[in-house]
Protein backbone atom coordinates (compact mmCIF):
# COMPACT_ATOMS: atom_id res chain seq x y z
CA UNK A 1 -0.41 -0.03 0.01
CA UNK A 2 2.54 2.35 1.30
CA UNK A 3 4.36 1.38 -2.50
CA UNK A 4 1.22 2.72 -4.32
CA UNK A 5 0.57 6.04 -2.38
CA UNK A 6 4.41 6.82 -3.65
CA UNK A 7 4.30 6.12 -7.17
CA UNK A 8 0.48 7.56 -6.82
CA UNK A 9 2.10 11.20 -6.24
CA UNK A 10 5.02 10.51 -7.91
CA UNK A 11 2.75 10.00 -10.95
CA UNK A 12 0.48 12.86 -9.85
CA UNK A 13 4.38 15.16 -9.38
CA UNK A 14 4.60 13.78 -13.10
CA UNK A 15 1.23 15.13 -14.21
CA UNK A 16 1.66 18.24 -13.03
CA UNK A 17 4.44 19.11 -14.24
CA UNK A 18 3.37 17.88 -18.08
CA UNK A 19 0.30 20.03 -17.25
CA UNK A 20 1.78 23.56 -18.06
CA UNK A 21 2.61 22.08 -21.93
CA UNK A 22 -0.35 19.11 -22.56
CA UNK A 23 -4.35 20.08 -22.15
CA UNK A 24 -4.02 17.88 -18.52
CA UNK A 25 -6.60 18.97 -15.39
CA UNK A 26 -6.02 16.77 -12.16
CA UNK A 27 -8.62 16.40 -9.81
CA UNK A 28 -10.24 15.57 -5.89
CA UNK A 29 -14.14 13.82 -6.25
CA UNK A 30 -16.03 11.71 -4.20
CA UNK A 31 -19.22 10.23 -3.78
CA UNK A 32 -22.30 8.13 -3.17
CA UNK A 33 -23.09 4.53 -5.12
CA UNK A 34 -26.36 2.42 -4.94
CA UNK A 35 -24.31 -1.20 -4.62
CA UNK A 36 -27.06 -4.66 -5.97
CA UNK A 37 -24.87 -7.47 -5.41
CA UNK A 38 -26.55 -10.43 -6.25
CA UNK A 39 -26.26 -14.17 -4.06
CA UNK A 40 -27.36 -17.55 -4.79
CA UNK A 41 -30.34 -17.96 -2.03
CA UNK A 42 -30.31 -14.94 -0.99
CA UNK A 43 -31.90 -12.36 -1.74
CA UNK A 44 -29.80 -9.18 -1.49
CA UNK A 45 -30.56 -5.69 -0.92
CA UNK A 46 -29.43 -2.36 -2.97
CA UNK A 47 -27.36 -0.59 0.53
CA UNK A 48 -25.02 2.68 0.30
CA UNK A 49 -21.42 3.05 -0.39
CA UNK A 50 -19.22 5.91 -0.87
CA UNK A 51 -16.09 6.77 -2.92
CA UNK A 52 -13.07 9.67 -3.06
CA UNK A 53 -10.29 9.78 -5.37
CA UNK A 54 -8.38 11.61 -7.38
CA UNK A 55 -7.95 12.24 -11.25
CA UNK A 56 -6.52 13.10 -14.08
CA UNK A 57 -8.52 14.20 -17.66
CA UNK A 58 -6.14 14.19 -21.34
CA UNK A 59 -8.17 16.64 -22.91
CA UNK A 60 -7.88 15.10 -27.10
CA UNK A 61 -10.45 18.30 -28.57
CA UNK A 62 -13.49 16.96 -28.21
CA UNK A 63 -12.79 13.39 -26.81
CA UNK A 64 -11.26 12.65 -24.04
CA UNK A 65 -9.76 10.62 -21.55
CA UNK A 66 -10.20 10.05 -17.63
CA UNK A 67 -7.63 7.47 -15.19
CA UNK A 68 -8.74 7.69 -11.69
CA UNK A 69 -7.69 6.41 -8.60
CA UNK A 70 -10.47 6.61 -5.87
CA UNK A 71 -11.12 4.22 -2.73
CA UNK A 72 -15.00 2.94 -2.83
CA UNK A 73 -16.94 0.87 0.05
CA UNK A 74 -20.04 -1.03 -1.36
CA UNK A 75 -22.60 -3.05 1.38
CA UNK A 76 -26.01 -4.52 0.89
CA UNK A 77 -28.68 -6.02 2.71
CA UNK A 78 -28.87 -10.15 2.69
CA UNK A 79 -32.69 -11.04 3.83
CA UNK A 80 -33.48 -15.34 3.49
CA UNK A 81 -36.83 -16.17 4.29
CA UNK A 82 -37.99 -14.76 7.45
CA UNK A 83 -35.77 -11.48 7.03
CA UNK A 84 -32.66 -10.24 7.59
CA UNK A 85 -29.07 -11.69 8.40
CA UNK A 86 -27.18 -9.63 7.48
CA UNK A 87 -25.02 -7.38 5.55
CA UNK A 88 -22.50 -8.02 2.73
CA UNK A 89 -19.67 -5.08 2.36
CA UNK A 90 -16.24 -4.99 0.76
CA UNK A 91 -14.18 -2.01 0.53
CA UNK A 92 -11.29 -1.53 -2.77
CA UNK A 93 -9.52 0.77 -4.65
CA UNK A 94 -10.77 1.35 -8.02
CA UNK A 95 -8.78 2.22 -11.09
CA UNK A 96 -10.79 3.98 -13.97
CA UNK A 97 -10.22 4.52 -17.50
CA UNK A 98 -12.64 6.30 -19.18
CA UNK A 99 -13.16 7.38 -22.51
CA UNK A 100 -14.99 10.54 -23.41
CA UNK A 101 -16.89 12.96 -25.68
CA UNK A 102 -17.43 16.70 -25.40
CA UNK A 103 -20.99 16.54 -26.59
CA UNK A 104 -21.61 20.79 -25.71
CA UNK A 105 -18.66 22.57 -25.21
CA UNK A 106 -18.68 26.48 -23.88
CA UNK A 107 -16.16 28.59 -21.95
CA UNK A 108 -17.45 27.07 -18.41
CA UNK A 109 -19.92 24.81 -19.22
CA UNK A 110 -19.28 21.17 -20.57
CA UNK A 111 -21.88 18.12 -21.43
CA UNK A 112 -20.26 15.25 -21.80
CA UNK A 113 -20.28 11.18 -22.54
CA UNK A 114 -17.71 8.62 -20.81
CA UNK A 115 -17.29 4.41 -20.54
CA UNK A 116 -14.73 2.73 -20.03
CA UNK A 117 -13.24 -0.58 -17.91
CA UNK A 118 -12.06 -0.44 -14.38
CA UNK A 119 -10.13 -2.64 -12.05
CA UNK A 120 -11.10 -2.90 -8.81
CA UNK A 121 -9.19 -4.73 -6.39
CA UNK A 122 -10.59 -6.05 -3.23
CA UNK A 123 -9.10 -4.33 0.35
CA UNK A 124 -11.05 -5.51 2.85
CA UNK A 125 -14.28 -8.23 3.02
CA UNK A 126 -16.43 -7.70 5.77
CA UNK A 127 -19.11 -9.04 7.39
CA UNK A 128 -19.21 -11.37 4.10
CA UNK A 129 -20.17 -15.80 4.03
CA UNK A 130 -18.74 -15.57 0.58
CA UNK A 131 -15.73 -16.83 -0.50
CA UNK A 132 -14.96 -13.47 -2.61
CA UNK A 133 -12.61 -12.49 -5.86
CA UNK A 134 -9.68 -10.45 -5.11
CA UNK A 135 -9.59 -8.27 -8.39
CA UNK A 136 -12.30 -7.98 -10.51
CA UNK A 137 -13.33 -6.34 -13.83
CA UNK A 138 -16.13 -3.86 -14.52
CA UNK A 139 -17.35 -1.91 -17.02
CA UNK A 140 -18.90 1.52 -16.66
CA UNK A 141 -21.25 4.21 -19.05
CA UNK A 142 -22.40 7.58 -17.32
CA UNK A 143 -22.85 11.42 -18.65
CA UNK A 144 -20.72 14.89 -16.35
CA UNK A 145 -21.20 18.43 -16.18
CA UNK A 146 -18.91 20.81 -15.81
CA UNK A 147 -19.99 24.49 -14.28
CA UNK A 148 -15.98 26.08 -14.40
CA UNK A 149 -13.86 24.04 -12.59
CA UNK A 150 -16.97 21.50 -10.68
CA UNK A 151 -17.95 18.53 -12.35
CA UNK A 152 -20.78 16.34 -11.67
CA UNK A 153 -21.14 12.09 -13.18
CA UNK A 154 -23.84 9.90 -12.92
CA UNK A 155 -22.80 6.81 -13.94
CA UNK A 156 -23.77 2.73 -14.07
CA UNK A 157 -20.93 0.93 -13.77
CA UNK A 158 -21.60 -3.74 -13.76
CA UNK A 159 -19.92 -6.48 -13.09
CA UNK A 160 -18.29 -8.31 -16.05
CA UNK A 161 -17.32 -11.75 -13.91
CA UNK A 162 -18.36 -13.45 -11.17
CA UNK A 163 -17.46 -11.98 -8.42
CA UNK A 164 -16.89 -15.49 -6.32
CA UNK A 165 -18.55 -18.97 -5.02
CA UNK A 166 -22.58 -17.47 -5.10
CA UNK A 167 -22.06 -14.72 -5.78
CA UNK A 168 -23.12 -12.10 -9.06
CA UNK A 169 -21.56 -9.97 -10.09
CA UNK A 170 -22.27 -6.29 -8.65
CA UNK A 171 -23.94 -3.61 -9.92
CA UNK A 172 -23.95 0.10 -8.86
CA UNK A 173 -24.97 3.63 -9.58
CA UNK A 174 -22.78 6.16 -8.62
CA UNK A 175 -22.41 9.96 -8.00
CA UNK A 176 -19.95 11.55 -7.98
CA UNK A 177 -18.80 15.40 -7.32
CA UNK A 178 -14.88 16.48 -8.28
CA UNK A 179 -13.16 19.62 -8.31
CA UNK A 180 -10.70 20.37 -11.15
CA UNK A 181 -7.70 21.47 -8.61
CA UNK A 182 -5.70 21.79 -12.44
């Protein structure tokens, strides 16, 4: 974990230096997610979670590339025939790489659409009776609005494979608010 933090810091320093010569934005963001995870023999209800992280947006005209590094926490309630039997909770480091298109681009306002893969590494599996994979691939599609340096995104994230034994791929809606530092 320490090596990852050092790598991210050096990467951000390098991106900051490049930002003076390239059309690049670097920022922070956080938000809320509503995750739904299905498990064999149980009914699993969606439940809210959160996400915090940093992003870099490389602007290439109307198209942009946006890698990010996020910490996410997701929860779902597990029910059987009688009622609630607990929660399925997990935390992960997510690395999305979105390719986006500026649908509307005005001086202080942008409307964007984006899609791309997400590499998700489970860091903590809490209160779960299921065997889960420690790494997953997800897909993400969404839209966003930029007003000056503030960004707002809404997206749908879906798992591309099962999460583990008896646990289907998670799906979630995400709302994210961000701020472009550079």
